[in-house]
């Protein structure tokens, strides 16, 4: 299951992307698929053709894990 995350990198803008699994405390690197800015635009220091980026974990300040599509469903009552 892929997770959509927000990556806060020291001194850089927030980047969003997908990871196959969340990093473990022993990991030294994090591999992100489809890296992009929050608004969906390309990150200026990553080549537009890049599909995966590997960052050293010591550059990452913290990660935010976003909810999946199933948590975005809104269930409401409809009166007929």
PDB file of N, CA and C in Angstrom:
ATOM      1  N   UNK A   1       0.838  -1.177   0.000  1.00  0.00           N
ATOM      2  CA  UNK A   1       0.000   0.000   0.000  1.00  0.00           C
ATOM      3  C   UNK A   1       0.885   1.243   0.000  1.00  0.00           C
ATOM      4  N   UNK A   2       0.651   2.123  -0.924  1.00  0.00           N
ATOM      5  CA  UNK A   2       1.437   3.353  -1.009  1.00  0.00           C
ATOM      6  C   UNK A   2       0.856   4.412  -0.079  1.00  0.00           C
ATOM      7  N   UNK A   3       1.743   5.193   0.527  1.00  0.00           N
ATOM      8  CA  UNK A   3       1.358   6.290   1.406  1.00  0.00           C
ATOM      9  C   UNK A   3       1.707   7.601   0.724  1.00  0.00           C
ATOM     10  N   UNK A   4       0.813   8.570   0.790  1.00  0.00           N
ATOM     11  CA  UNK A   4       1.126   9.918   0.329  1.00  0.00           C
ATOM     12  C   UNK A   4       1.647  10.687   1.532  1.00  0.00           C
ATOM     13  N   UNK A   5       2.816  11.314   1.348  1.00  0.00           N
ATOM     14  CA  UNK A   5       3.450  12.005   2.469  1.00  0.00           C
ATOM     15  C   UNK A   5       3.834  13.421   2.077  1.00  0.00           C
ATOM     16  N   UNK A   6       3.983  14.266   3.085  1.00  0.00           N
ATOM     17  CA  UNK A   6       4.573  15.589   2.942  1.00  0.00           C
ATOM     18  C   UNK A   6       5.936  15.515   3.608  1.00  0.00           C
ATOM     19  N   UNK A   7       6.971  15.914   2.875  1.00  0.00           N
ATOM     20  CA  UNK A   7       8.340  15.833   3.372  1.00  0.00           C
ATOM     21  C   UNK A   7       8.829  17.250   3.663  1.00  0.00           C
ATOM     22  N   UNK A   8       9.204  17.483   4.896  1.00  0.00           N
ATOM     23  CA  UNK A   8       9.754  18.776   5.300  1.00  0.00           C
ATOM     24  C   UNK A   8      11.272  18.625   5.346  1.00  0.00           C
ATOM     25  N   UNK A   9      11.947  19.244   4.377  1.00  0.00           N
ATOM     26  CA  UNK A   9      13.398  19.156   4.260  1.00  0.00           C
ATOM     27  C   UNK A   9      14.005  20.449   4.801  1.00  0.00           C
ATOM     28  N   UNK A  10      15.075  20.322   5.541  1.00  0.00           N
ATOM     29  CA  UNK A  10      15.733  21.482   6.146  1.00  0.00           C
ATOM     30  C   UNK A  10      16.060  22.541   5.097  1.00  0.00           C
ATOM     31  N   UNK A  11      15.525  23.738   5.276  1.00  0.00           N
ATOM     32  CA  UNK A  11      15.847  24.857   4.400  1.00  0.00           C
ATOM     33  C   UNK A  11      15.201  24.819   3.028  1.00  0.00           C
ATOM     34  N   UNK A  12      14.266  23.922   2.786  1.00  0.00           N
ATOM     35  CA  UNK A  12      13.621  23.806   1.473  1.00  0.00           C
ATOM     36  C   UNK A  12      12.108  23.873   1.629  1.00  0.00           C
ATOM     37  N   UNK A  13      11.426  23.964   0.498  1.00  0.00           N
ATOM     38  CA  UNK A  13       9.974  23.950   0.507  1.00  0.00           C
ATOM     39  C   UNK A  13       9.458  22.532   0.772  1.00  0.00           C
ATOM     40  N   UNK A  14       8.217  22.436   1.184  1.00  0.00           N
ATOM     41  CA  UNK A  14       7.605  21.131   1.462  1.00  0.00           C
ATOM     42  C   UNK A  14       7.364  20.399   0.145  1.00  0.00           C
ATOM     43  N   UNK A  15       7.660  19.106   0.144  1.00  0.00           N
ATOM     44  CA  UNK A  15       7.500  18.281  -1.045  1.00  0.00           C
ATOM     45  C   UNK A  15       6.518  17.169  -0.731  1.00  0.00           C
ATOM     46  N   UNK A  16       5.670  16.850  -1.681  1.00  0.00           N
ATOM     47  CA  UNK A  16       4.745  15.739  -1.518  1.00  0.00           C
ATOM     48  C   UNK A  16       5.123  14.632  -2.491  1.00  0.00           C
ATOM     49  N   UNK A  17       4.766  13.421  -2.150  1.00  0.00           N
ATOM     50  CA  UNK A  17       5.065  12.268  -2.990  1.00  0.00           C
ATOM     51  C   UNK A  17       4.519  11.007  -2.340  1.00  0.00           C
ATOM     52  N   UNK A  18       4.800   9.890  -2.940  1.00  0.00           N
ATOM     53  CA  UNK A  18       4.322   8.607  -2.432  1.00  0.00           C
ATOM     54  C   UNK A  18       5.507   7.726  -2.047  1.00  0.00           C
ATOM     55  N   UNK A  19       5.302   6.936  -1.003  1.00  0.00           N
ATOM     56  CA  UNK A  19       6.285   5.935  -0.590  1.00  0.00           C
ATOM     57  C   UNK A  19       5.566   4.609  -0.443  1.00  0.00           C
ATOM     58  N   UNK A  20       6.263   3.518  -0.740  1.00  0.00           N
ATOM     59  CA  UNK A  20       5.675   2.187  -0.610  1.00  0.00           C
ATOM     60  C   UNK A  20       5.503   1.786   0.843  1.00  0.00           C
ATOM     61  N   UNK A  21       6.477   2.157   1.668  1.00  0.00           N
ATOM     62  CA  UNK A  21       6.366   1.891   3.093  1.00  0.00           C
ATOM     63  C   UNK A  21       6.999   3.040   3.855  1.00  0.00           C
ATOM     64  N   UNK A  22       6.535   3.242   5.060  1.00  0.00           N
ATOM     65  CA  UNK A  22       7.070   4.330   5.883  1.00  0.00           C
ATOM     66  C   UNK A  22       8.464   3.969   6.364  1.00  0.00           C
ATOM     67  N   UNK A  23       9.338   4.977   6.499  1.00  0.00           N
ATOM     68  CA  UNK A  23      10.710   4.680   6.929  1.00  0.00           C
ATOM     69  C   UNK A  23      10.748   4.139   8.361  1.00  0.00           C
ATOM     70  N   UNK A  24      11.662   3.236   8.568  1.00  0.00           N
ATOM     71  CA  UNK A  24      11.872   2.648   9.890  1.00  0.00           C
ATOM     72  C   UNK A  24      12.934   3.464  10.631  1.00  0.00           C
ATOM     73  N   UNK A  25      12.984   3.348  11.944  1.00  0.00           N
ATOM     74  CA  UNK A  25      13.993   4.107  12.698  1.00  0.00           C
ATOM     75  C   UNK A  25      15.428   3.806  12.284  1.00  0.00           C
ATOM     76  N   UNK A  26      15.674   2.651  11.683  1.00  0.00           N
ATOM     77  CA  UNK A  26      17.032   2.282  11.283  1.00  0.00           C
ATOM     78  C   UNK A  26      17.384   2.703   9.859  1.00  0.00           C
ATOM     79  N   UNK A  27      16.423   3.229   9.098  1.00  0.00           N
ATOM     80  CA  UNK A  27      16.671   3.619   7.702  1.00  0.00           C
ATOM     81  C   UNK A  27      17.549   4.865   7.625  1.00  0.00           C
ATOM     82  N   UNK A  28      18.407   4.899   6.593  1.00  0.00           N
ATOM     83  CA  UNK A  28      19.269   6.045   6.338  1.00  0.00           C
ATOM     84  C   UNK A  28      18.772   6.898   5.180  1.00  0.00           C
ATOM     85  N   UNK A  29      17.915   6.326   4.336  1.00  0.00           N
ATOM     86  CA  UNK A  29      17.414   6.998   3.137  1.00  0.00           C
ATOM     87  C   UNK A  29      15.904   6.838   3.063  1.00  0.00           C
ATOM     88  N   UNK A  30      15.269   7.752   2.327  1.00  0.00           N
ATOM     89  CA  UNK A  30      13.846   7.636   2.032  1.00  0.00           C
ATOM     90  C   UNK A  30      13.678   7.789   0.522  1.00  0.00           C
ATOM     91  N   UNK A  31      12.956   6.850  -0.096  1.00  0.00           N
ATOM     92  CA  UNK A  31      12.723   6.857  -1.537  1.00  0.00           C
ATOM     93  C   UNK A  31      11.298   7.329  -1.795  1.00  0.00           C
ATOM     94  N   UNK A  32      11.174   8.405  -2.565  1.00  0.00           N
ATOM     95  CA  UNK A  32       9.872   9.019  -2.829  1.00  0.00           C
ATOM     96  C   UNK A  32       9.576   8.931  -4.322  1.00  0.00           C
ATOM     97  N   UNK A  33       8.363   8.497  -4.648  1.00  0.00           N
ATOM     98  CA  UNK A  33       7.905   8.410  -6.031  1.00  0.00           C
ATOM     99  C   UNK A  33       7.057   9.636  -6.351  1.00  0.00           C
ATOM    100  N   UNK A  34       7.167  10.137  -7.547  1.00  0.00           N
ATOM    101  CA  UNK A  34       6.421  11.312  -8.033  1.00  0.00           C
ATOM    102  C   UNK A  34       6.593  12.530  -7.134  1.00  0.00           C
ATOM    103  N   UNK A  35       7.826  12.976  -6.904  1.00  0.00           N
ATOM    104  CA  UNK A  35       8.025  14.158  -6.058  1.00  0.00           C
ATOM    105  C   UNK A  35       7.509  15.418  -6.748  1.00  0.00           C
ATOM    106  N   UNK A  36       6.818  16.250  -5.979  1.00  0.00           N
ATOM    107  CA  UNK A  36       6.256  17.494  -6.510  1.00  0.00           C
ATOM    108  C   UNK A  36       5.996  18.453  -5.353  1.00  0.00           C
ATOM    109  N   UNK A  37       5.745  19.712  -5.692  1.00  0.00           N
ATOM    110  CA  UNK A  37       5.367  20.675  -4.662  1.00  0.00           C
ATOM    111  C   UNK A  37       3.929  20.423  -4.249  1.00  0.00           C
ATOM    112  N   UNK A  38       3.502  21.047  -3.195  1.00  0.00           N
ATOM    113  CA  UNK A  38       2.124  20.859  -2.714  1.00  0.00           C
ATOM    114  C   UNK A  38       1.081  21.199  -3.767  1.00  0.00           C
ATOM    115  N   UNK A  39       1.375  22.200  -4.597  1.00  0.00           N
ATOM    116  CA  UNK A  39       0.411  22.622  -5.623  1.00  0.00           C
ATOM    117  C   UNK A  39       0.504  21.786  -6.895  1.00  0.00           C
ATOM    118  N   UNK A  40       1.337  20.741  -6.882  1.00  0.00           N
ATOM    119  CA  UNK A  40       1.454  19.840  -8.028  1.00  0.00           C
ATOM    120  C   UNK A  40       2.507  20.233  -9.038  1.00  0.00           C
ATOM    121  N   UNK A  41       3.130  21.379  -8.885  1.00  0.00           N
ATOM    122  CA  UNK A  41       4.161  21.837  -9.822  1.00  0.00           C
ATOM    123  C   UNK A  41       5.481  21.120  -9.544  1.00  0.00           C
ATOM    124  N   UNK A  42       6.373  21.185 -10.534  1.00  0.00           N
ATOM    125  CA  UNK A  42       7.687  20.560 -10.396  1.00  0.00           C
ATOM    126  C   UNK A  42       8.525  21.271  -9.343  1.00  0.00           C
ATOM    127  N   UNK A  43       9.386  20.508  -8.684  1.00  0.00           N
ATOM    128  CA  UNK A  43      10.350  21.068  -7.744  1.00  0.00           C
ATOM    129  C   UNK A  43      11.519  21.587  -8.574  1.00  0.00           C
ATOM    130  N   UNK A  44      11.949  22.839  -8.357  1.00  0.00           N
ATOM    131  CA  UNK A  44      12.924  23.484  -9.244  1.00  0.00           C
ATOM    132  C   UNK A  44      14.282  22.787  -9.275  1.00  0.00           C
ATOM    133  N   UNK A  45      14.678  22.085  -8.230  1.00  0.00           N
ATOM    134  CA  UNK A  45      15.995  21.449  -8.214  1.00  0.00           C
ATOM    135  C   UNK A  45      15.950  19.961  -8.563  1.00  0.00           C
ATOM    136  N   UNK A  46      14.779  19.463  -8.972  1.00  0.00           N
ATOM    137  CA  UNK A  46      14.650  18.070  -9.419  1.00  0.00           C
ATOM    138  C   UNK A  46      14.287  18.087 -10.894  1.00  0.00           C
ATOM    139  N   UNK A  47      14.962  17.279 -11.677  1.00  0.00           N
ATOM    140  CA  UNK A  47      14.683  17.185 -13.107  1.00  0.00           C
ATOM    141  C   UNK A  47      13.224  16.774 -13.316  1.00  0.00           C
ATOM    142  N   UNK A  48      12.554  17.382 -14.275  1.00  0.00           N
ATOM    143  CA  UNK A  48      11.137  17.119 -14.537  1.00  0.00           C
ATOM    144  C   UNK A  48      10.875  15.671 -14.945  1.00  0.00           C
ATOM    145  N   UNK A  49      11.895  14.972 -15.443  1.00  0.00           N
ATOM    146  CA  UNK A  49      11.723  13.578 -15.864  1.00  0.00           C
ATOM    147  C   UNK A  49      11.906  12.583 -14.731  1.00  0.00           C
ATOM    148  N   UNK A  50      12.339  13.039 -13.570  1.00  0.00           N
ATOM    149  CA  UNK A  50      12.589  12.138 -12.435  1.00  0.00           C
ATOM    150  C   UNK A  50      11.271  11.565 -11.915  1.00  0.00           C
ATOM    151  N   UNK A  51      11.246  10.264 -11.696  1.00  0.00           N
ATOM    152  CA  UNK A  51      10.057   9.612 -11.152  1.00  0.00           C
ATOM    153  C   UNK A  51      10.276   9.160  -9.706  1.00  0.00           C
ATOM    154  N   UNK A  52      11.525   9.016  -9.298  1.00  0.00           N
ATOM    155  CA  UNK A  52      11.863   8.655  -7.923  1.00  0.00           C
ATOM    156  C   UNK A  52      13.039   9.494  -7.460  1.00  0.00           C
ATOM    157  N   UNK A  53      13.009   9.868  -6.189  1.00  0.00           N
ATOM    158  CA  UNK A  53      14.110  10.619  -5.591  1.00  0.00           C
ATOM    159  C   UNK A  53      14.447   9.955  -4.266  1.00  0.00           C
ATOM    160  N   UNK A  54      15.734   9.871  -3.972  1.00  0.00           N
ATOM    161  CA  UNK A  54      16.194   9.279  -2.715  1.00  0.00           C
ATOM    162  C   UNK A  54      16.872  10.378  -1.902  1.00  0.00           C
ATOM    163  N   UNK A  55      16.334  10.651  -0.700  1.00  0.00           N
ATOM    164  CA  UNK A  55      16.907  11.648   0.184  1.00  0.00           C
ATOM    165  C   UNK A  55      17.541  10.979   1.384  1.00  0.00           C
ATOM    166  N   UNK A  56      18.671  11.510   1.845  1.00  0.00           N
ATOM    167  CA  UNK A  56      19.212  11.016   3.118  1.00  0.00           C
ATOM    168  C   UNK A  56      18.282  11.469   4.239  1.00  0.00           C
ATOM    169  N   UNK A  57      17.975  10.586   5.142  1.00  0.00           N
ATOM    170  CA  UNK A  57      17.002  10.869   6.192  1.00  0.00           C
ATOM    171  C   UNK A  57      17.466  11.998   7.117  1.00  0.00           C
ATOM    172  N   UNK A  58      18.778  12.237   7.213  1.00  0.00           N
ATOM    173  CA  UNK A  58      19.242  13.310   8.094  1.00  0.00           C
ATOM    174  C   UNK A  58      18.899  14.703   7.560  1.00  0.00           C
ATOM    175  N   UNK A  59      18.532  14.813   6.282  1.00  0.00           N
ATOM    176  CA  UNK A  59      18.103  16.093   5.704  1.00  0.00           C
ATOM    177  C   UNK A  59      16.624  16.373   5.980  1.00  0.00           C
ATOM    178  N   UNK A  60      15.871  15.336   6.337  1.00  0.00           N
ATOM    179  CA  UNK A  60      14.430  15.457   6.547  1.00  0.00           C
ATOM    180  C   UNK A  60      14.160  15.893   7.987  1.00  0.00           C
ATOM    181  N   UNK A  61      13.429  17.003   8.146  1.00  0.00           N
ATOM    182  CA  UNK A  61      13.068  17.476   9.470  1.00  0.00           C
ATOM    183  C   UNK A  61      11.958  16.608  10.049  1.00  0.00           C
ATOM    184  N   UNK A  62      10.880  16.434   9.279  1.00  0.00           N
ATOM    185  CA  UNK A  62       9.824  15.513   9.670  1.00  0.00           C
ATOM    186  C   UNK A  62       8.952  15.179   8.483  1.00  0.00           C
ATOM    187  N   UNK A  63       8.129  14.138   8.622  1.00  0.00           N
ATOM    188  CA  UNK A  63       7.217  13.673   7.581  1.00  0.00           C
ATOM    189  C   UNK A  63       5.790  13.779   8.085  1.00  0.00           C
ATOM    190  N   UNK A  64       4.880  14.078   7.161  1.00  0.00           N
ATOM    191  CA  UNK A  64       3.454  14.025   7.467  1.00  0.00           C
ATOM    192  C   UNK A  64       2.848  12.956   6.568  1.00  0.00           C
ATOM    193  N   UNK A  65       2.095  12.056   7.131  1.00  0.00           N
ATOM    194  CA  UNK A  65       1.438  11.008   6.370  1.00  0.00           C
ATOM    195  C   UNK A  65      -0.009  11.432   6.161  1.00  0.00           C
ATOM    196  N   UNK A  66      -0.413  11.546   4.889  1.00  0.00           N
ATOM    197  CA  UNK A  66      -1.772  11.963   4.572  1.00  0.00           C
ATOM    198  C   UNK A  66      -2.683  10.750   4.520  1.00  0.00           C
ATOM    199  N   UNK A  67      -3.961  10.957   4.810  1.00  0.00           N
ATOM    200  CA  UNK A  67      -4.939   9.876   4.794  1.00  0.00           C
ATOM    201  C   UNK A  67      -5.198   9.387   3.389  1.00  0.00           C
ATOM    202  N   UNK A  68      -5.645   8.162   3.293  1.00  0.00           N
ATOM    203  CA  UNK A  68      -5.954   7.562   1.997  1.00  0.00           C
ATOM    204  C   UNK A  68      -7.306   8.015   1.487  1.00  0.00           C
ATOM    205  N   UNK A  69      -7.666   7.554   0.297  1.00  0.00           N
ATOM    206  CA  UNK A  69      -8.930   7.937  -0.313  1.00  0.00           C
ATOM    207  C   UNK A  69     -10.119   7.447   0.490  1.00  0.00           C
ATOM    208  N   UNK A  70      -9.994   6.297   1.140  1.00  0.00           N
ATOM    209  CA  UNK A  70     -11.124   5.792   1.900  1.00  0.00           C
ATOM    210  C   UNK A  70     -11.469   6.701   3.072  1.00  0.00           C
ATOM    211  N   UNK A  71     -10.486   7.420   3.604  1.00  0.00           N
ATOM    212  CA  UNK A  71     -10.767   8.344   4.699  1.00  0.00           C
ATOM    213  C   UNK A  71     -11.321   9.668   4.195  1.00  0.00           C
ATOM    214  N   UNK A  72     -11.253   9.917   2.888  1.00  0.00           N
ATOM    215  CA  UNK A  72     -11.768  11.152   2.324  1.00  0.00           C
ATOM    216  C   UNK A  72     -13.241  11.066   1.976  1.00  0.00           C
ATOM    217  N   UNK A  73     -13.818   9.874   2.025  1.00  0.00           N
ATOM    218  CA  UNK A  73     -15.224   9.726   1.699  1.00  0.00           C
ATOM    219  C   UNK A  73     -16.060  10.378   2.794  1.00  0.00           C
ATOM    220  N   UNK A  74     -17.056  11.143   2.371  1.00  0.00           N
ATOM    221  CA  UNK A  74     -17.956  11.792   3.308  1.00  0.00           C
ATOM    222  C   UNK A  74     -19.274  11.063   3.248  1.00  0.00           C
ATOM    223  N   UNK A  75     -19.718  10.610   4.384  1.00  0.00           N
ATOM    224  CA  UNK A  75     -20.996   9.906   4.452  1.00  0.00           C
ATOM    225  C   UNK A  75     -21.992  10.858   5.077  1.00  0.00           C
ATOM    226  N   UNK A  76     -23.079  11.100   4.369  1.00  0.00           N
ATOM    227  CA  UNK A  76     -24.102  11.999   4.894  1.00  0.00           C
ATOM    228  C   UNK A  76     -25.465  11.374   4.682  1.00  0.00           C
ATOM    229  N   UNK A  77     -26.431  11.916   5.353  1.00  0.00           N
ATOM    230  CA  UNK A  77     -27.800  11.432   5.229  1.00  0.00           C
ATOM    231  C   UNK A  77     -28.534  12.284   4.220  1.00  0.00           C
ATOM    232  N   UNK A  78     -29.333  11.633   3.404  1.00  0.00           N
ATOM    233  CA  UNK A  78     -30.109  12.338   2.385  1.00  0.00           C
ATOM    234  C   UNK A  78     -31.586  12.078   2.655  1.00  0.00           C
ATOM    235  N   UNK A  79     -32.335  13.139   2.767  1.00  0.00           N
ATOM    236  CA  UNK A  79     -33.780  13.007   2.988  1.00  0.00           C
ATOM    237  C   UNK A  79     -34.479  13.028   1.643  1.00  0.00           C
ATOM    238  N   UNK A  80     -35.310  12.032   1.399  1.00  0.00           N
ATOM    239  CA  UNK A  80     -36.034  11.978   0.118  1.00  0.00           C
ATOM    240  C   UNK A  80     -37.451  12.433   0.276  1.00  0.00           C
TER     241      UNK A  80
END
